[in-house]
Amino acid sequence: MAETGPKEPTVVPLKRHPCPMCGRPAVARFRPFCSRRCADLDLGHWLNEDYRVPSDEEFDPEEEPPEGGEEA
């Protein structure tokens, strides 16, 4: 008869993924990047608004900003 008591949790190692910026192996300290340089490059892309979510809506500069948005 099989035991039905509590089992030890199974630890599954995470898959190793390459650095999204340069493709080298990721380093735990800078994960998911391989270095501070690649992490900073990615941050720069975010700050420059290089990453965007595609949308079918067109921008209308005369439209009022959403509630809680920035005011000029």
PDB file of N, CA and C in Angstrom:
ATOM      1  N   MET A   1       0.845  -1.178   0.000  1.00  0.00           N
ATOM      2  CA  MET A   1       0.000   0.000   0.000  1.00  0.00           C
ATOM      3  C   MET A   1       0.894   1.246   0.000  1.00  0.00           C
ATOM      4  N   ALA A   2       0.530   2.254  -0.759  1.00  0.00           N
ATOM      5  CA  ALA A   2       1.331   3.467  -0.895  1.00  0.00           C
ATOM      6  C   ALA A   2       1.112   4.385   0.305  1.00  0.00           C
ATOM      7  N   GLU A   3       2.174   5.110   0.665  1.00  0.00           N
ATOM      8  CA  GLU A   3       2.059   6.066   1.764  1.00  0.00           C
ATOM      9  C   GLU A   3       1.275   7.292   1.293  1.00  0.00           C
ATOM     10  N   THR A   4       0.469   7.827   2.177  1.00  0.00           N
ATOM     11  CA  THR A   4      -0.300   9.013   1.830  1.00  0.00           C
ATOM     12  C   THR A   4       0.094  10.214   2.686  1.00  0.00           C
ATOM     13  N   GLY A   5       1.213  10.115   3.396  1.00  0.00           N
ATOM     14  CA  GLY A   5       1.677  11.194   4.255  1.00  0.00           C
ATOM     15  C   GLY A   5       2.241  12.350   3.444  1.00  0.00           C
ATOM     16  N   PRO A   6       2.629  13.417   4.143  1.00  0.00           N
ATOM     17  CA  PRO A   6       3.182  14.589   3.441  1.00  0.00           C
ATOM     18  C   PRO A   6       4.475  14.240   2.722  1.00  0.00           C
ATOM     19  N   LYS A   7       4.618  14.793   1.534  1.00  0.00           N
ATOM     20  CA  LYS A   7       5.809  14.537   0.729  1.00  0.00           C
ATOM     21  C   LYS A   7       6.723  15.744   0.786  1.00  0.00           C
ATOM     22  N   GLU A   8       8.003  15.507   0.572  1.00  0.00           N
ATOM     23  CA  GLU A   8       8.967  16.603   0.466  1.00  0.00           C
ATOM     24  C   GLU A   8       8.659  17.366  -0.814  1.00  0.00           C
ATOM     25  N   PRO A   9       8.682  18.691  -0.771  1.00  0.00           N
ATOM     26  CA  PRO A   9       8.427  19.452  -1.999  1.00  0.00           C
ATOM     27  C   PRO A   9       9.527  19.204  -3.024  1.00  0.00           C
ATOM     28  N   THR A  10       9.131  19.126  -4.260  1.00  0.00           N
ATOM     29  CA  THR A  10      10.081  18.920  -5.339  1.00  0.00           C
ATOM     30  C   THR A  10      10.571  20.281  -5.818  1.00  0.00           C
ATOM     31  N   VAL A  11      11.874  20.441  -5.845  1.00  0.00           N
ATOM     32  CA  VAL A  11      12.453  21.692  -6.314  1.00  0.00           C
ATOM     33  C   VAL A  11      12.810  21.522  -7.776  1.00  0.00           C
ATOM     34  N   VAL A  12      12.230  22.381  -8.601  1.00  0.00           N
ATOM     35  CA  VAL A  12      12.495  22.332 -10.028  1.00  0.00           C
ATOM     36  C   VAL A  12      13.379  23.532 -10.371  1.00  0.00           C
ATOM     37  N   PRO A  13      14.582  23.281 -10.884  1.00  0.00           N
ATOM     38  CA  PRO A  13      15.438  24.421 -11.220  1.00  0.00           C
ATOM     39  C   PRO A  13      14.830  25.248 -12.348  1.00  0.00           C
ATOM     40  N   LEU A  14      15.045  26.562 -12.261  1.00  0.00           N
ATOM     41  CA  LEU A  14      14.547  27.443 -13.308  1.00  0.00           C
ATOM     42  C   LEU A  14      15.327  27.230 -14.594  1.00  0.00           C
ATOM     43  N   LYS A  15      14.659  27.422 -15.706  1.00  0.00           N
ATOM     44  CA  LYS A  15      15.339  27.293 -16.994  1.00  0.00           C
ATOM     45  C   LYS A  15      16.315  28.444 -17.152  1.00  0.00           C
ATOM     46  N   ARG A  16      17.398  28.180 -17.765  1.00  0.00           N
ATOM     47  CA  ARG A  16      18.384  29.223 -18.022  1.00  0.00           C
ATOM     48  C   ARG A  16      17.999  29.929 -19.317  1.00  0.00           C
ATOM     49  N   HIS A  17      17.821  31.216 -19.199  1.00  0.00           N
ATOM     50  CA  HIS A  17      17.481  32.024 -20.358  1.00  0.00           C
ATOM     51  C   HIS A  17      18.630  32.977 -20.635  1.00  0.00           C
ATOM     52  N   PRO A  18      18.881  33.255 -21.890  1.00  0.00           N
ATOM     53  CA  PRO A  18      19.953  34.206 -22.213  1.00  0.00           C
ATOM     54  C   PRO A  18      19.526  35.634 -21.901  1.00  0.00           C
ATOM     55  N   CYS A  19      20.506  36.497 -21.791  1.00  0.00           N
ATOM     56  CA  CYS A  19      20.274  37.927 -21.578  1.00  0.00           C
ATOM     57  C   CYS A  19      19.431  38.454 -22.738  1.00  0.00           C
ATOM     58  N   PRO A  20      18.330  39.159 -22.459  1.00  0.00           N
ATOM     59  CA  PRO A  20      17.489  39.660 -23.555  1.00  0.00           C
ATOM     60  C   PRO A  20      18.153  40.753 -24.389  1.00  0.00           C
ATOM     61  N   MET A  21      19.220  41.354 -23.893  1.00  0.00           N
ATOM     62  CA  MET A  21      19.884  42.420 -24.638  1.00  0.00           C
ATOM     63  C   MET A  21      20.967  41.890 -25.565  1.00  0.00           C
ATOM     64  N   CYS A  22      21.815  40.965 -25.073  1.00  0.00           N
ATOM     65  CA  CYS A  22      22.962  40.535 -25.879  1.00  0.00           C
ATOM     66  C   CYS A  22      23.015  39.033 -26.141  1.00  0.00           C
ATOM     67  N   GLY A  23      22.227  38.240 -25.412  1.00  0.00           N
ATOM     68  CA  GLY A  23      22.190  36.807 -25.659  1.00  0.00           C
ATOM     69  C   GLY A  23      23.172  35.982 -24.834  1.00  0.00           C
ATOM     70  N   ARG A  24      24.034  36.630 -24.049  1.00  0.00           N
ATOM     71  CA  ARG A  24      24.956  35.871 -23.195  1.00  0.00           C
ATOM     72  C   ARG A  24      24.176  35.276 -22.024  1.00  0.00           C
ATOM     73  N   PRO A  25      24.759  34.294 -21.317  1.00  0.00           N
ATOM     74  CA  PRO A  25      24.061  33.694 -20.167  1.00  0.00           C
ATOM     75  C   PRO A  25      23.781  34.737 -19.081  1.00  0.00           C
ATOM     76  N   ALA A  26      22.601  34.668 -18.488  1.00  0.00           N
ATOM     77  CA  ALA A  26      22.214  35.605 -17.428  1.00  0.00           C
ATOM     78  C   ALA A  26      22.997  35.305 -16.153  1.00  0.00           C
ATOM     79  N   VAL A  27      23.218  36.351 -15.356  1.00  0.00           N
ATOM     80  CA  VAL A  27      23.915  36.246 -14.081  1.00  0.00           C
ATOM     81  C   VAL A  27      22.897  36.521 -12.987  1.00  0.00           C
ATOM     82  N   ALA A  28      22.914  35.740 -11.912  1.00  0.00           N
ATOM     83  CA  ALA A  28      21.913  35.854 -10.855  1.00  0.00           C
ATOM     84  C   ALA A  28      21.797  37.280 -10.318  1.00  0.00           C
ATOM     85  N   ARG A  29      22.908  37.965 -10.145  1.00  0.00           N
ATOM     86  CA  ARG A  29      22.890  39.316  -9.563  1.00  0.00           C
ATOM     87  C   ARG A  29      22.119  40.314 -10.438  1.00  0.00           C
ATOM     88  N   PHE A  30      22.174  40.155 -11.754  1.00  0.00           N
ATOM     89  CA  PHE A  30      21.542  41.099 -12.672  1.00  0.00           C
ATOM     90  C   PHE A  30      20.368  40.478 -13.423  1.00  0.00           C
ATOM     91  N   ARG A  31      19.905  39.344 -12.985  1.00  0.00           N
ATOM     92  CA  ARG A  31      18.876  38.591 -13.664  1.00  0.00           C
ATOM     93  C   ARG A  31      17.713  39.460 -14.089  1.00  0.00           C
ATOM     94  N   PRO A  32      17.213  39.391 -15.276  1.00  0.00           N
ATOM     95  CA  PRO A  32      17.475  38.417 -16.336  1.00  0.00           C
ATOM     96  C   PRO A  32      18.628  38.811 -17.244  1.00  0.00           C
ATOM     97  N   PHE A  33      19.402  39.814 -16.854  1.00  0.00           N
ATOM     98  CA  PHE A  33      20.493  40.297 -17.696  1.00  0.00           C
ATOM     99  C   PHE A  33      21.814  39.651 -17.301  1.00  0.00           C
ATOM    100  N   CYS A  34      22.835  39.856 -18.130  1.00  0.00           N
ATOM    101  CA  CYS A  34      24.151  39.278 -17.862  1.00  0.00           C
ATOM    102  C   CYS A  34      25.059  40.255 -17.121  1.00  0.00           C
ATOM    103  N   SER A  35      24.719  41.540 -17.154  1.00  0.00           N
ATOM    104  CA  SER A  35      25.588  42.537 -16.527  1.00  0.00           C
ATOM    105  C   SER A  35      24.803  43.808 -16.225  1.00  0.00           C
ATOM    106  N   ARG A  36      25.422  44.667 -15.445  1.00  0.00           N
ATOM    107  CA  ARG A  36      24.799  45.958 -15.144  1.00  0.00           C
ATOM    108  C   ARG A  36      24.633  46.772 -16.426  1.00  0.00           C
ATOM    109  N   ARG A  37      25.585  46.651 -17.342  1.00  0.00           N
ATOM    110  CA  ARG A  37      25.507  47.394 -18.604  1.00  0.00           C
ATOM    111  C   ARG A  37      24.234  47.049 -19.371  1.00  0.00           C
ATOM    112  N   CYS A  38      23.950  45.759 -19.529  1.00  0.00           N
ATOM    113  CA  CYS A  38      22.747  45.351 -20.258  1.00  0.00           C
ATOM    114  C   CYS A  38      21.486  45.779 -19.511  1.00  0.00           C
ATOM    115  N   ALA A  39      21.495  45.717 -18.176  1.00  0.00           N
ATOM    116  CA  ALA A  39      20.348  46.167 -17.393  1.00  0.00           C
ATOM    117  C   ALA A  39      20.131  47.658 -17.598  1.00  0.00           C
ATOM    118  N   ASP A  40      21.222  48.436 -17.590  1.00  0.00           N
ATOM    119  CA  ASP A  40      21.107  49.878 -17.796  1.00  0.00           C
ATOM    120  C   ASP A  40      20.653  50.224 -19.214  1.00  0.00           C
ATOM    121  N   LEU A  41      21.108  49.465 -20.201  1.00  0.00           N
ATOM    122  CA  LEU A  41      20.650  49.692 -21.576  1.00  0.00           C
ATOM    123  C   LEU A  41      19.145  49.471 -21.684  1.00  0.00           C
ATOM    124  N   ASP A  42      18.658  48.410 -21.041  1.00  0.00           N
ATOM    125  CA  ASP A  42      17.220  48.127 -21.071  1.00  0.00           C
ATOM    126  C   ASP A  42      16.443  49.231 -20.368  1.00  0.00           C
ATOM    127  N   LEU A  43      16.945  49.703 -19.223  1.00  0.00           N
ATOM    128  CA  LEU A  43      16.290  50.799 -18.516  1.00  0.00           C
ATOM    129  C   LEU A  43      16.236  52.046 -19.393  1.00  0.00           C
ATOM    130  N   GLY A  44      17.307  52.316 -20.117  1.00  0.00           N
ATOM    131  CA  GLY A  44      17.335  53.450 -21.026  1.00  0.00           C
ATOM    132  C   GLY A  44      16.267  53.354 -22.101  1.00  0.00           C
ATOM    133  N   HIS A  45      16.034  52.143 -22.606  1.00  0.00           N
ATOM    134  CA  HIS A  45      14.974  51.946 -23.604  1.00  0.00           C
ATOM    135  C   HIS A  45      13.609  52.277 -23.004  1.00  0.00           C
ATOM    136  N   TRP A  46      13.389  51.860 -21.753  1.00  0.00           N
ATOM    137  CA  TRP A  46      12.115  52.172 -21.100  1.00  0.00           C
ATOM    138  C   TRP A  46      11.970  53.672 -20.896  1.00  0.00           C
ATOM    139  N   LEU A  47      13.025  54.319 -20.413  1.00  0.00           N
ATOM    140  CA  LEU A  47      12.951  55.755 -20.130  1.00  0.00           C
ATOM    141  C   LEU A  47      12.789  56.591 -21.398  1.00  0.00           C
ATOM    142  N   ASN A  48      13.315  56.119 -22.515  1.00  0.00           N
ATOM    143  CA  ASN A  48      13.155  56.820 -23.799  1.00  0.00           C
ATOM    144  C   ASN A  48      11.847  56.460 -24.494  1.00  0.00           C
ATOM    145  N   GLU A  49      11.045  55.629 -23.835  1.00  0.00           N
ATOM    146  CA  GLU A  49       9.768  55.160 -24.369  1.00  0.00           C
ATOM    147  C   GLU A  49       9.934  54.421 -25.693  1.00  0.00           C
ATOM    148  N   ASP A  50      11.029  53.652 -25.814  1.00  0.00           N
ATOM    149  CA  ASP A  50      11.244  52.840 -27.006  1.00  0.00           C
ATOM    150  C   ASP A  50      10.345  51.611 -27.017  1.00  0.00           C
ATOM    151  N   TYR A  51       9.934  51.147 -25.830  1.00  0.00           N
ATOM    152  CA  TYR A  51       9.035  50.001 -25.738  1.00  0.00           C
ATOM    153  C   TYR A  51       7.620  50.539 -25.651  1.00  0.00           C
ATOM    154  N   ARG A  52       6.769  50.090 -26.562  1.00  0.00           N
ATOM    155  CA  ARG A  52       5.385  50.557 -26.586  1.00  0.00           C
ATOM    156  C   ARG A  52       4.443  49.388 -26.844  1.00  0.00           C
ATOM    157  N   VAL A  53       3.235  49.524 -26.361  1.00  0.00           N
ATOM    158  CA  VAL A  53       2.197  48.539 -26.614  1.00  0.00           C
ATOM    159  C   VAL A  53       1.427  49.012 -27.837  1.00  0.00           C
ATOM    160  N   PRO A  54       1.328  48.174 -28.879  1.00  0.00           N
ATOM    161  CA  PRO A  54       0.612  48.606 -30.083  1.00  0.00           C
ATOM    162  C   PRO A  54      -0.861  48.889 -29.783  1.00  0.00           C
ATOM    163  N   SER A  55      -1.394  49.894 -30.463  1.00  0.00           N
ATOM    164  CA  SER A  55      -2.780  50.284 -30.258  1.00  0.00           C
ATOM    165  C   SER A  55      -3.375  50.727 -31.589  1.00  0.00           C
ATOM    166  N   ASP A  56      -4.681  50.529 -31.737  1.00  0.00           N
ATOM    167  CA  ASP A  56      -5.383  50.972 -32.934  1.00  0.00           C
ATOM    168  C   ASP A  56      -5.898  52.402 -32.783  1.00  0.00           C
ATOM    169  N   GLU A  57      -5.852  52.921 -31.548  1.00  0.00           N
ATOM    170  CA  GLU A  57      -6.358  54.268 -31.294  1.00  0.00           C
ATOM    171  C   GLU A  57      -5.361  55.309 -31.797  1.00  0.00           C
ATOM    172  N   GLU A  58      -5.909  56.409 -32.312  1.00  0.00           N
ATOM    173  CA  GLU A  58      -5.058  57.507 -32.764  1.00  0.00           C
ATOM    174  C   GLU A  58      -4.991  58.562 -31.671  1.00  0.00           C
ATOM    175  N   PHE A  59      -3.869  59.220 -31.542  1.00  0.00           N
ATOM    176  CA  PHE A  59      -3.660  60.242 -30.534  1.00  0.00           C
ATOM    177  C   PHE A  59      -4.349  61.533 -30.953  1.00  0.00           C
ATOM    178  N   ASP A  60      -5.141  62.113 -30.049  1.00  0.00           N
ATOM    179  CA  ASP A  60      -5.807  63.386 -30.303  1.00  0.00           C
ATOM    180  C   ASP A  60      -5.301  64.376 -29.256  1.00  0.00           C
ATOM    181  N   PRO A  61      -4.443  65.344 -29.647  1.00  0.00           N
ATOM    182  CA  PRO A  61      -3.860  66.256 -28.666  1.00  0.00           C
ATOM    183  C   PRO A  61      -4.891  67.157 -27.984  1.00  0.00           C
ATOM    184  N   GLU A  62      -6.079  67.331 -28.566  1.00  0.00           N
ATOM    185  CA  GLU A  62      -7.107  68.184 -27.971  1.00  0.00           C
ATOM    186  C   GLU A  62      -7.973  67.430 -26.973  1.00  0.00           C
ATOM    187  N   GLU A  63      -7.822  66.123 -26.906  1.00  0.00           N
ATOM    188  CA  GLU A  63      -8.609  65.315 -25.986  1.00  0.00           C
ATOM    189  C   GLU A  63      -8.135  65.569 -24.560  1.00  0.00           C
ATOM    190  N   GLU A  64      -9.076  65.621 -23.622  1.00  0.00           N
ATOM    191  CA  GLU A  64      -8.719  65.847 -22.224  1.00  0.00           C
ATOM    192  C   GLU A  64      -8.003  64.620 -21.667  1.00  0.00           C
ATOM    193  N   PRO A  65      -7.014  64.837 -20.779  1.00  0.00           N
ATOM    194  CA  PRO A  65      -6.318  63.698 -20.194  1.00  0.00           C
ATOM    195  C   PRO A  65      -7.262  62.914 -19.287  1.00  0.00           C
ATOM    196  N   PRO A  66      -7.010  61.620 -19.092  1.00  0.00           N
ATOM    197  CA  PRO A  66      -7.865  60.827 -18.217  1.00  0.00           C
ATOM    198  C   PRO A  66      -7.791  61.351 -16.788  1.00  0.00           C
ATOM    199  N   GLU A  67      -8.816  61.050 -16.007  1.00  0.00           N
ATOM    200  CA  GLU A  67      -8.888  61.491 -14.611  1.00  0.00           C
ATOM    201  C   GLU A  67      -7.638  61.064 -13.864  1.00  0.00           C
ATOM    202  N   GLY A  68      -7.031  61.973 -13.128  1.00  0.00           N
ATOM    203  CA  GLY A  68      -5.807  61.686 -12.391  1.00  0.00           C
ATOM    204  C   GLY A  68      -4.564  61.827 -13.233  1.00  0.00           C
ATOM    205  N   GLY A  69      -4.703  62.222 -14.497  1.00  0.00           N
ATOM    206  CA  GLY A  69      -3.556  62.382 -15.391  1.00  0.00           C
ATOM    207  C   GLY A  69      -2.841  63.700 -15.135  1.00  0.00           C
ATOM    208  N   GLU A  70      -1.743  63.888 -15.808  1.00  0.00           N
ATOM    209  CA  GLU A  70      -0.973  65.118 -15.651  1.00  0.00           C
ATOM    210  C   GLU A  70      -1.706  66.280 -16.320  1.00  0.00           C
ATOM    211  N   GLU A  71      -1.596  67.439 -15.705  1.00  0.00           N
ATOM    212  CA  GLU A  71      -2.187  68.639 -16.287  1.00  0.00           C
ATOM    213  C   GLU A  71      -1.101  69.601 -16.675  1.00  0.00           C
ATOM    214  N   ALA A  72      -1.277  70.306 -17.794  1.00  0.00           N
ATOM    215  CA  ALA A  72      -0.270  71.234 -18.265  1.00  0.00           C
ATOM    216  C   ALA A  72      -0.378  72.587 -17.629  1.00  0.00           C
TER     217      ALA A  72
END
